[in-house]
Amino acid sequence: MNIDLCFTAQKLTPSLVYGKTVIVLDVFRTSATIITALEQGATKIIPTSTPQKALRLKKQTPTSLLLGGEVNCQKINNFDLGNSPLEYTSEIVKNKTIILSTSNGIPAIQHTKGAAQIYIGSFLNAPTLVQKLQEHKHDLILACAGTQGTYSLEDTCCAGYFLHLLQNTVKPFLHDQALGALALYHHYQKNLPYYLSRSKNGRKLLAKGYWRDIEYCCLQDFLPTIPLYCGSAIRAIS
């Protein structure tokens, strides 16, 4: 298995992802929000590129949809939920469809169209997802969402965690970028919340009072849910 690592969504070109398995990583916080919402019983999640598109879509069927998302880490006006995974409880999201718009994670997901399989990954579900990958023979891309086109420390560290787990199941060929991500995870693994809270996105979340989100998003092997993006929606698979 060949493994490529992209540091930002903007590097995900159609020719790069075509026919491959892609795991989208947006650690703070879209990946965790999607995984948690589906684990808590949401029917599906519809990623939308802008809040305006999300609002228009909800107007078509207002009673069966919830709006979730953020701009600059803050809940969007007139949305039901923000982008904190801790908001997505079963009491709120069970049997609901969620329209989700976020600054980095959703654009990254939408850049992967044309891939053979598109999964959403995080520290929360990495071991379960790595087991699922054994069913596939395609080459793999670990797609870090990044931050508005720039490198993101927490996404790269999570890619390193996936590489750490993959080395126990397959014998991947690792490029230099992947080796760097693996080394980063090995250095940070004993205290992920502390180290990753020092990143640009971590500091922004801390400034807005989201320490609990940081702790939650850094939990390893916490949820078994595997989200698959297919046919314009994200659903959980067994």
Protein backbone atom coordinates (compact mmCIF):
# COMPACT_ATOMS: atom_id res chain seq x y z
CA MET A 1 0.00 0.00 0.00
CA ASN A 2 1.35 3.41 -0.98
CA ILE A 3 0.36 6.22 1.36
CA ASP A 4 0.33 9.89 0.41
CA LEU A 5 -0.08 12.70 2.90
CA CYS A 6 -1.62 16.04 1.96
CA PHE A 7 -1.16 18.88 4.42
CA THR A 8 -4.03 21.04 3.12
CA ALA A 9 -7.31 20.55 1.28
CA GLN A 10 -6.03 22.67 -1.59
CA LYS A 11 -3.51 19.94 -2.48
CA LEU A 12 -6.30 17.44 -3.15
CA THR A 13 -6.54 17.55 -6.93
CA PRO A 14 -8.91 15.28 -8.92
CA SER A 15 -5.96 13.44 -10.47
CA LEU A 16 -4.41 12.80 -7.05
CA VAL A 17 -7.50 11.32 -5.38
CA TYR A 18 -8.98 9.44 -8.34
CA GLY A 19 -9.43 5.75 -7.59
CA LYS A 20 -7.82 5.96 -4.15
CA THR A 21 -9.07 5.68 -0.59
CA VAL A 22 -9.06 9.03 1.19
CA ILE A 23 -9.31 9.74 4.91
CA VAL A 24 -10.20 13.35 5.64
CA LEU A 25 -8.76 14.67 8.92
CA ASP A 26 -9.98 17.87 10.54
CA VAL A 27 -9.13 17.31 14.19
CA PHE A 28 -10.36 20.69 15.54
CA ARG A 29 -13.30 19.97 15.10
CA THR A 30 -15.26 18.86 12.05
CA SER A 31 -14.13 15.22 12.04
CA ALA A 32 -15.08 14.75 15.70
CA THR A 33 -18.41 16.49 15.18
CA ILE A 34 -19.34 14.24 12.26
CA ILE A 35 -18.27 11.05 14.03
CA THR A 36 -20.07 12.03 17.23
CA ALA A 37 -23.30 13.08 15.49
CA LEU A 38 -23.52 9.76 13.64
CA GLU A 39 -22.63 7.81 16.78
CA GLN A 40 -25.44 9.61 18.59
CA GLY A 41 -27.98 8.55 15.99
CA ALA A 42 -28.03 11.21 13.28
CA THR A 43 -29.30 9.70 10.03
CA LYS A 44 -26.86 11.49 7.74
CA ILE A 45 -24.83 14.65 7.37
CA ILE A 46 -24.96 16.84 4.28
CA PRO A 47 -21.79 18.92 3.86
CA THR A 48 -22.36 22.38 2.39
CA SER A 49 -19.74 24.85 1.28
CA THR A 50 -21.35 28.00 2.70
CA PRO A 51 -23.82 28.95 5.44
CA GLN A 52 -26.02 30.53 2.78
CA LYS A 53 -26.37 27.23 0.93
CA ALA A 54 -27.15 25.47 4.19
CA LEU A 55 -29.93 27.94 5.00
CA ARG A 56 -31.44 27.58 1.53
CA LEU A 57 -31.41 23.80 1.81
CA LYS A 58 -33.14 23.84 5.19
CA LYS A 59 -35.94 26.05 3.85
CA GLN A 60 -36.92 23.22 1.48
CA THR A 61 -37.64 20.74 4.33
CA PRO A 62 -37.39 22.70 7.60
CA THR A 63 -38.87 20.15 10.01
CA SER A 64 -36.49 17.25 9.34
CA LEU A 65 -33.17 19.09 9.18
CA LEU A 66 -30.77 20.63 11.67
CA LEU A 67 -28.19 23.25 10.75
CA GLY A 68 -24.72 22.91 12.25
CA GLY A 69 -21.46 24.70 11.69
CA GLU A 70 -19.13 27.56 12.46
CA VAL A 71 -17.30 30.58 11.14
CA ASN A 72 -14.14 31.55 13.01
CA CYS A 73 -14.94 28.88 15.65
CA GLN A 74 -18.27 30.53 16.45
CA LYS A 75 -21.78 29.17 15.87
CA ILE A 76 -23.40 30.69 12.80
CA ASN A 77 -26.39 32.99 13.26
CA ASN A 78 -29.73 31.19 12.82
CA PHE A 79 -28.06 27.75 13.03
CA ASP A 80 -29.27 25.10 15.46
CA LEU A 81 -25.79 23.91 16.46
CA GLY A 82 -22.19 25.03 16.28
CA ASN A 83 -19.16 22.86 15.56
CA SER A 84 -18.55 21.54 19.06
CA PRO A 85 -18.93 17.75 19.04
CA LEU A 86 -20.20 17.95 22.62
CA GLU A 87 -23.36 19.69 21.38
CA TYR A 88 -24.36 16.72 19.25
CA THR A 89 -26.16 14.62 21.85
CA SER A 90 -28.63 11.86 21.06
CA GLU A 91 -31.49 13.95 22.46
CA ILE A 92 -30.84 16.56 19.78
CA VAL A 93 -29.59 14.67 16.71
CA LYS A 94 -31.13 11.18 16.82
CA ASN A 95 -32.96 10.38 13.56
CA LYS A 96 -32.12 13.83 12.22
CA THR A 97 -30.35 14.94 9.06
CA ILE A 98 -27.70 17.57 9.74
CA ILE A 99 -26.58 20.15 7.22
CA LEU A 100 -23.01 21.04 8.18
CA SER A 101 -20.93 24.01 7.09
CA THR A 102 -17.44 24.60 8.54
CA SER A 103 -14.40 26.63 7.62
CA ASN A 104 -11.88 23.87 6.83
CA GLY A 105 -13.27 20.36 7.24
CA ILE A 106 -16.16 20.63 4.82
CA PRO A 107 -14.05 22.17 2.01
CA ALA A 108 -11.57 19.33 2.48
CA ILE A 109 -14.32 16.73 2.14
CA GLN A 110 -15.61 18.38 -1.01
CA HIS A 111 -12.13 18.34 -2.57
CA THR A 112 -12.07 14.53 -2.49
CA LYS A 113 -14.75 13.80 -5.09
CA GLY A 114 -13.55 11.14 -7.50
CA ALA A 115 -11.88 8.99 -4.86
CA ALA A 116 -12.83 5.32 -4.58
CA GLN A 117 -13.80 5.70 -0.90
CA ILE A 118 -13.94 8.81 1.27
CA TYR A 119 -13.86 8.35 5.03
CA ILE A 120 -13.85 10.87 7.86
CA GLY A 121 -11.17 10.14 10.43
CA SER A 122 -9.91 11.48 13.75
CA PHE A 123 -8.20 10.31 16.90
CA LEU A 124 -11.64 9.12 18.05
CA ASN A 125 -12.13 6.39 15.45
CA ALA A 126 -8.66 5.72 14.02
CA PRO A 127 -8.23 2.08 15.17
CA THR A 128 -11.64 1.03 13.85
CA LEU A 129 -11.07 2.81 10.57
CA VAL A 130 -7.63 1.24 10.14
CA GLN A 131 -9.23 -2.18 10.51
CA LYS A 132 -11.74 -1.23 7.81
CA LEU A 133 -8.91 -0.29 5.46
CA GLN A 134 -7.77 -3.91 5.36
CA GLU A 135 -10.76 -4.59 3.10
CA HIS A 136 -9.39 -2.23 0.43
CA LYS A 137 -6.53 -2.65 -1.98
CA HIS A 138 -6.43 0.96 -3.11
CA ASP A 139 -3.60 3.31 -2.30
CA LEU A 140 -4.36 5.64 0.59
CA ILE A 141 -4.33 9.41 1.00
CA LEU A 142 -4.35 10.95 4.46
CA ALA A 143 -5.94 14.30 3.72
CA CYS A 144 -5.34 16.96 6.35
CA ALA A 145 -7.86 19.76 6.12
CA GLY A 146 -5.34 22.38 7.15
CA THR A 147 -6.35 25.92 8.01
CA GLN A 148 -7.42 28.05 5.07
CA GLY A 149 -4.72 26.62 2.87
CA THR A 150 -1.97 26.42 5.48
CA TYR A 151 -0.40 23.61 7.51
CA SER A 152 -2.25 22.42 10.62
CA LEU A 153 -0.29 20.81 13.46
CA GLU A 154 -3.19 18.81 14.91
CA ASP A 155 -4.25 17.32 11.55
CA THR A 156 -0.70 16.27 10.75
CA CYS A 157 -0.29 14.70 14.19
CA CYS A 158 -3.49 12.71 13.64
CA ALA A 159 -2.16 11.54 10.28
CA GLY A 160 0.87 10.31 12.21
CA TYR A 161 -1.42 8.35 14.52
CA PHE A 162 -3.00 6.62 11.53
CA LEU A 163 0.46 5.80 10.19
CA HIS A 164 1.45 4.41 13.58
CA LEU A 165 -1.57 2.09 13.53
CA LEU A 166 -1.15 1.14 9.88
CA GLN A 167 2.36 -0.08 10.50
CA ASN A 168 0.85 -2.81 12.67
CA THR A 169 -1.45 -4.10 9.92
CA VAL A 170 0.27 -3.42 6.59
CA LYS A 171 3.76 -2.57 5.46
CA PRO A 172 3.23 0.83 3.90
CA PHE A 173 5.77 2.74 1.88
CA LEU A 174 6.14 6.11 3.62
CA HIS A 175 7.24 9.28 1.87
CA ASP A 176 9.20 11.92 3.78
CA GLN A 177 6.05 13.86 4.71
CA ALA A 178 4.52 10.73 6.22
CA LEU A 179 7.68 9.93 8.17
CA GLY A 180 7.59 13.46 9.59
CA ALA A 181 3.96 13.08 10.67
CA LEU A 182 4.75 9.74 12.31
CA ALA A 183 7.62 11.27 14.26
CA LEU A 184 5.37 14.15 15.35
CA TYR A 185 2.77 11.77 16.74
CA HIS A 186 5.39 9.72 18.57
CA HIS A 187 6.69 12.89 20.22
CA TYR A 188 3.23 14.19 21.24
CA GLN A 189 1.33 10.99 21.98
CA LYS A 190 1.66 11.03 25.77
CA ASN A 191 -0.14 14.37 26.13
CA LEU A 192 -2.03 15.24 22.96
CA PRO A 193 -4.36 17.88 24.46
CA TYR A 194 -1.45 19.86 25.89
CA TYR A 195 0.71 19.83 22.78
CA LEU A 196 -2.08 20.32 20.25
CA SER A 197 -3.64 23.14 22.25
CA ARG A 198 -0.47 25.08 21.41
CA SER A 199 -1.30 24.99 17.69
CA LYS A 200 -2.90 27.96 15.94
CA ASN A 201 -6.34 26.36 16.03
CA GLY A 202 -5.80 25.10 19.56
CA ARG A 203 -4.98 28.60 20.81
CA LYS A 204 -8.05 29.97 19.06
CA LEU A 205 -10.28 27.37 20.70
CA LEU A 206 -8.73 28.05 24.11
CA ALA A 207 -9.34 31.77 23.71
CA LYS A 208 -13.03 31.06 23.10
CA GLY A 209 -13.36 28.70 26.06
CA TYR A 210 -13.31 25.35 24.24
CA TRP A 211 -10.76 23.39 26.32
CA ARG A 212 -13.24 20.52 26.73
CA ASP A 213 -13.52 20.28 22.94
CA ILE A 214 -9.74 20.00 22.67
CA GLU A 215 -9.66 17.21 25.25
CA TYR A 216 -12.50 15.38 23.54
CA CYS A 217 -11.05 15.67 20.04
CA CYS A 218 -7.77 14.17 21.30
CA LEU A 219 -9.35 11.02 22.75
CA GLN A 220 -7.89 7.95 21.07
CA ASP A 221 -9.98 4.91 20.12
CA PHE A 222 -13.08 6.41 21.76
CA LEU A 223 -15.83 5.79 19.18
CA PRO A 224 -16.27 2.96 16.65
CA THR A 225 -18.24 4.97 14.09
CA ILE A 226 -16.88 5.11 10.54
CA PRO A 227 -18.36 7.93 8.44
CA LEU A 228 -18.38 7.38 4.67
CA TYR A 229 -18.98 10.24 2.24
CA CYS A 230 -20.94 8.98 -0.75
CA GLY A 231 -23.62 10.48 -2.97
CA SER A 232 -23.40 14.00 -1.48
CA ALA A 233 -24.01 12.80 2.10
CA ILE A 234 -22.04 11.30 4.98
CA ARG A 235 -23.44 8.20 6.66
CA ALA A 236 -22.14 5.74 9.24
CA ILE A 237 -21.18 2.30 8.05
CA SER A 238 -20.74 -0.89 10.07
